[in-house]
Structure formats: structure tokens, C-alpha cells
């Protein structure tokens, strides 16, 4: 396989896109790649083997905060895609619908380009491109779901765990296990939670939601909502 540093690959990718894209679209590509670079420099060291971790650590301890993307091989890019689309864009970036959609579109183009350059295997690129395409569709939808659930939670009258029959406040997101019109179920035998049809239309089985829920008066109530992870 061909080798090049992550920063070199990202720069070459953007240079090729600049030649074919309108300036406004290219600016969005730059924004996504900059965010992806930040994600890799923040979380990439967690996936390094001993040899590469040693190289990264030496440079980082000497003040190079971008050592991961500056030093390490572009083959690591596809390994970071899940972190970027499944966590970073949801939890760490205040992104609008357009940027969330673009994160999937741009990274799909990127992994396809990496395969064309011989940096990653075409089979791997195809799988990651499909994942990115899903993200382009699902990230904006999950963002809308999170906002709709938040608005619903503001209407909940029961906010004291001492006055409820059951109080669920997990440290990790809960998976949605069942969806019916106007109803949601979550892991740990939670549900049905009555919701507007707007919410049940957006929700998907398997998506995970950071929530606080209360059971009282023979029904479930949504108390707080954090992020939705598709």
C-alpha cells in the first residue's frame, strides 16, 4: 500500500477538491476536514500500537499538539471515522443540519479518494464509505430527534426522584428497543414512553439516547435529554 502522512493526505485531498468545487462547497469541505483533523489529534493516540505511540508521545511531549496527523500514516484515517461520525460530531461540535450532513458526505469522498491513491484497501474504503453515507442521512435526523425530545422533556411535571416510583438516570446512553406511532421503548424494560408522532417518526431502533426518565402515575415521563447517537 502507498504511504503518506495524514496531513499530507488531507492536504492533497482538499487540493483536488478545490479544482472541481464551487468556493462555498469547498469551504464546507475544509471545515469538515479541519474538524476531522482535530478529532484525530485529540483521540487518535488511543488507537496507536506501541511503536507509533512512542513516536507520537515524543513529539507531543516536545510541544507538537498535532503530532498524530503530522507524523502518522494516512492508513489511520479510516480507523478514526467511527469516532468522528459516531461521537465527535455529535458530542463535541455545535453543528447545524448542513454541517452534520456534510460530515458524512465529505468523509465518504475522502475514504474513496484514499482507496484510489492506494492508501487503504478498496474493500475497507467501500465499507467506510457506506458508513459515511449513512451518517450523512442519520446525523441530521438524530439532531432533530434530540431537539424534539428536549422540547418534550421541558413539559414534564415530575422532576423529583423522591416522588416517583422509578427514576432512571444512567451514565451511558440507552438504546431505543422498539418504536410504534406515538410510543418509544428503551433498554432496561423502559416504556412505552408516550411521544408526539414527530418523535416516533424520527426515532430508529438501535439509536442510543442520553436520557433521564421517571415512572409515576402509571406512565413514563421524559425528564432530561442529552445527545442522540445513531
Protein backbone atom coordinates (compact mmCIF):
# COMPACT_ATOMS: atom_id res chain seq x y z
CA UNK A 1 0.00 0.00 0.00
CA UNK A 2 1.09 3.59 -0.62
CA UNK A 3 2.21 5.59 2.39
CA UNK A 4 1.86 9.25 3.25
CA UNK A 5 1.30 11.19 6.45
CA UNK A 6 -2.25 12.05 7.46
CA UNK A 7 -1.73 15.80 6.98
CA UNK A 8 -0.23 15.23 3.54
CA UNK A 9 -3.21 13.09 2.52
CA UNK A 10 -5.74 15.63 3.80
CA UNK A 11 -3.95 18.47 2.03
CA UNK A 12 -3.75 16.59 -1.26
CA UNK A 13 -7.41 15.59 -1.00
CA UNK A 14 -8.50 19.19 -0.43
CA UNK A 15 -6.31 20.49 -3.26
CA UNK A 16 -8.02 18.11 -5.67
CA UNK A 17 -11.47 19.11 -4.43
CA UNK A 18 -10.66 22.82 -4.76
CA UNK A 19 -10.24 22.38 -8.51
CA UNK A 20 -13.72 20.94 -9.01
CA UNK A 21 -15.93 22.50 -6.33
CA UNK A 22 -17.64 25.86 -6.05
CA UNK A 23 -15.97 28.08 -3.41
CA UNK A 24 -18.86 27.79 -0.96
CA UNK A 25 -18.92 23.99 -1.19
CA UNK A 26 -15.16 23.81 -0.90
CA UNK A 27 -15.31 25.90 2.28
CA UNK A 28 -17.61 23.25 3.77
CA UNK A 29 -15.13 20.53 2.77
CA UNK A 30 -12.35 22.48 4.51
CA UNK A 31 -14.47 22.88 7.63
CA UNK A 32 -15.22 19.16 7.84
CA UNK A 33 -11.59 18.17 7.24
CA UNK A 34 -10.40 20.64 9.90
CA UNK A 35 -12.84 19.11 12.38
CA UNK A 36 -11.75 15.60 11.42
CA UNK A 37 -8.11 16.61 11.90
CA UNK A 38 -8.95 17.98 15.36
CA UNK A 39 -10.74 14.74 16.22
CA UNK A 40 -7.77 12.63 15.15
CA UNK A 41 -5.28 14.71 17.11
CA UNK A 42 -7.47 14.54 20.21
CA UNK A 43 -8.47 10.87 20.16
CA UNK A 44 -6.19 9.16 17.64
CA UNK A 45 -3.42 8.38 20.14
CA UNK A 46 -5.82 5.96 21.86
CA UNK A 47 -5.61 3.53 18.93
CA UNK A 48 -1.83 3.54 18.35
CA UNK A 49 0.34 0.48 18.62
CA UNK A 50 3.41 0.62 20.87
CA UNK A 51 5.82 1.77 18.16
CA UNK A 52 3.64 4.58 16.83
CA UNK A 53 2.57 5.61 20.32
CA UNK A 54 6.22 6.11 21.20
CA UNK A 55 6.79 8.31 18.12
CA UNK A 56 3.66 10.33 18.86
CA UNK A 57 4.45 10.69 22.57
CA UNK A 58 7.96 12.00 21.96
CA UNK A 59 6.73 14.67 19.55
CA UNK A 60 3.68 15.56 21.64
CA UNK A 61 5.72 15.93 24.83
CA UNK A 62 8.01 18.28 22.92
CA UNK A 63 5.07 20.56 22.18
CA UNK A 64 3.65 19.23 18.89
CA UNK A 65 -0.07 19.00 19.63
CA UNK A 66 -0.73 17.93 16.03
CA UNK A 67 1.80 15.12 16.11
CA UNK A 68 -0.78 12.46 15.31
CA UNK A 69 -1.76 13.90 11.93
CA UNK A 70 1.69 15.31 11.17
CA UNK A 71 3.69 12.13 11.77
CA UNK A 72 1.44 9.13 11.36
CA UNK A 73 0.35 7.23 8.30
CA UNK A 74 -2.86 8.09 6.46
CA UNK A 75 -3.96 4.50 6.86
CA UNK A 76 -5.14 5.52 10.33
CA UNK A 77 -7.79 7.79 8.82
CA UNK A 78 -10.34 5.06 8.21
CA UNK A 79 -9.84 3.77 11.77
CA UNK A 80 -10.90 7.17 13.12
CA UNK A 81 -14.04 7.55 11.05
CA UNK A 82 -16.31 5.91 13.64
CA UNK A 83 -15.00 8.19 16.39
CA UNK A 84 -15.57 11.23 14.21
CA UNK A 85 -19.06 10.44 12.95
CA UNK A 86 -20.33 8.45 15.92
CA UNK A 87 -19.08 10.65 18.75
CA UNK A 88 -17.11 13.78 17.87
CA UNK A 89 -19.65 15.43 15.53
CA UNK A 90 -22.46 14.69 17.99
CA UNK A 91 -20.81 15.42 21.33
CA UNK A 92 -18.04 17.90 20.61
CA UNK A 93 -19.29 20.09 17.75
CA UNK A 94 -22.17 22.58 17.80
CA UNK A 95 -23.08 21.75 14.22
CA UNK A 96 -26.13 22.67 12.20
CA UNK A 97 -28.01 20.29 9.95
CA UNK A 98 -25.94 21.21 6.91
CA UNK A 99 -22.60 20.56 8.56
CA UNK A 100 -23.79 17.28 10.06
CA UNK A 101 -24.86 16.12 6.63
CA UNK A 102 -21.61 17.33 5.08
CA UNK A 103 -19.54 15.38 7.63
CA UNK A 104 -20.84 12.17 6.10
CA UNK A 105 -20.60 13.35 2.51
CA UNK A 106 -17.03 14.65 2.80
CA UNK A 107 -15.66 11.65 4.67
CA UNK A 108 -17.27 9.34 2.11
CA UNK A 109 -15.38 11.21 -0.62
CA UNK A 110 -12.21 11.10 1.47
CA UNK A 111 -12.10 7.34 2.04
CA UNK A 112 -12.94 6.72 -1.63
CA UNK A 113 -10.05 9.01 -2.60
CA UNK A 114 -7.70 7.20 -0.19
CA UNK A 115 -8.52 3.91 -1.89
CA UNK A 116 -7.85 5.47 -5.30
CA UNK A 117 -4.42 6.57 -4.03
CA UNK A 118 -3.66 3.07 -2.78
CA UNK A 119 -3.56 4.15 0.88
CA UNK A 120 -6.33 1.83 2.09
CA UNK A 121 -7.88 -1.32 0.65
CA UNK A 122 -10.83 -0.80 -1.67
CA UNK A 123 -12.97 -3.21 0.34
CA UNK A 124 -12.31 -1.24 3.52
CA UNK A 125 -12.99 2.01 1.72
CA UNK A 126 -16.31 0.70 0.41
CA UNK A 127 -17.44 -0.31 3.90
CA UNK A 128 -16.39 3.02 5.40
CA UNK A 129 -17.96 4.96 2.52
CA UNK A 130 -21.25 3.19 3.23
CA UNK A 131 -20.92 4.13 6.88
CA UNK A 132 -20.29 7.76 5.94
CA UNK A 133 -23.29 7.75 3.60
CA UNK A 134 -25.45 6.50 6.48
CA UNK A 135 -24.09 9.30 8.65
CA UNK A 136 -24.96 11.93 6.04
CA UNK A 137 -28.57 10.77 6.35
CA UNK A 138 -28.73 9.87 10.05
CA UNK A 139 -26.77 12.63 11.79
CA UNK A 140 -29.19 15.44 10.84
CA UNK A 141 -32.15 13.20 11.67
CA UNK A 142 -30.68 12.33 15.08
CA UNK A 143 -30.09 16.02 15.75
CA UNK A 144 -33.75 16.78 15.00
CA UNK A 145 -34.79 13.90 17.26
CA UNK A 146 -32.64 15.20 20.11
CA UNK A 147 -34.20 18.65 19.84
CA UNK A 148 -37.74 17.25 19.67
CA UNK A 149 -37.13 15.06 22.74
CA UNK A 150 -35.64 18.03 24.58
CA UNK A 151 -38.74 20.11 23.89
CA UNK A 152 -40.90 17.25 25.16
CA UNK A 153 -38.84 16.96 28.34
CA UNK A 154 -39.50 20.63 29.16
CA UNK A 155 -43.19 19.80 29.60
CA UNK A 156 -42.60 17.08 32.20
CA UNK A 157 -44.10 17.98 35.61
CA UNK A 158 -42.24 15.25 37.57
CA UNK A 159 -38.63 16.19 38.34
CA UNK A 160 -38.09 14.93 41.89
CA UNK A 161 -36.81 11.33 42.09
CA UNK A 162 -38.12 11.05 45.65
CA UNK A 163 -41.72 11.43 44.45
CA UNK A 164 -41.57 8.89 41.61
CA UNK A 165 -41.95 5.11 41.58
CA UNK A 166 -38.86 4.61 39.42
CA UNK A 167 -36.12 7.00 38.40
CA UNK A 168 -33.70 6.13 35.58
CA UNK A 169 -30.57 8.24 35.27
CA UNK A 170 -27.87 6.17 33.60
CA UNK A 171 -24.32 7.29 32.95
CA UNK A 172 -24.45 5.84 29.43
CA UNK A 173 -26.95 6.33 26.59
CA UNK A 174 -29.89 3.93 26.45
CA UNK A 175 -30.71 2.13 23.18
CA UNK A 176 -34.15 2.53 21.65
CA UNK A 177 -35.51 -1.02 21.51
CA UNK A 178 -38.95 -0.51 19.96
CA UNK A 179 -40.79 2.20 18.05
CA UNK A 180 -44.51 2.48 17.41
CA UNK A 181 -46.55 5.51 16.34
CA UNK A 182 -46.59 7.81 19.36
CA UNK A 183 -44.53 5.44 21.53
CA UNK A 184 -40.89 4.62 22.30
CA UNK A 185 -39.30 1.84 24.34
CA UNK A 186 -35.76 1.81 25.75
CA UNK A 187 -33.44 -0.82 27.14
CA UNK A 188 -33.93 -1.97 30.75
CA UNK A 189 -37.68 -2.55 30.26
CA UNK A 190 -38.45 1.14 29.92
CA UNK A 191 -41.59 2.01 28.02
CA UNK A 192 -43.81 2.78 26.45
CA UNK A 193 -42.94 6.45 26.61
CA UNK A 194 -45.73 8.48 25.02
CA UNK A 195 -44.33 10.89 22.43
CA UNK A 196 -45.71 13.03 19.60
CA UNK A 197 -45.78 11.35 16.21
CA UNK A 198 -43.00 13.71 15.08
CA UNK A 199 -40.68 11.97 17.53
CA UNK A 200 -41.67 8.38 16.78
CA UNK A 201 -41.33 9.12 13.05
CA UNK A 202 -37.74 10.27 13.59
CA UNK A 203 -36.66 7.55 16.03
CA UNK A 204 -34.92 4.37 14.93
CA UNK A 205 -34.40 1.08 16.78
CA UNK A 206 -30.80 0.80 17.95
CA UNK A 207 -30.17 4.51 18.24
CA UNK A 208 -28.92 5.49 21.69
CA UNK A 209 -30.17 8.43 23.72
CA UNK A 210 -28.80 10.08 26.85
CA UNK A 211 -31.92 10.47 28.97
CA UNK A 212 -33.32 10.82 32.45
CA UNK A 213 -36.72 9.13 32.83
CA UNK A 214 -39.28 8.85 35.62
CA UNK A 215 -42.12 6.39 36.13
CA UNK A 216 -45.05 7.71 38.12
CA UNK A 217 -48.85 7.82 37.85
CA UNK A 218 -48.69 4.62 35.79
CA UNK A 219 -46.70 6.09 32.94
CA UNK A 220 -43.19 7.05 31.88
CA UNK A 221 -42.09 10.69 31.71
CA UNK A 222 -39.09 12.18 29.94
CA UNK A 223 -37.19 14.37 32.42
CA UNK A 224 -33.95 15.29 30.62
CA UNK A 225 -32.35 14.61 27.23
CA UNK A 226 -28.74 14.86 26.11
CA UNK A 227 -27.47 13.53 22.80
CA UNK A 228 -28.85 11.04 20.30
CA UNK A 229 -26.30 8.64 18.78
CA UNK A 230 -27.40 6.95 15.54
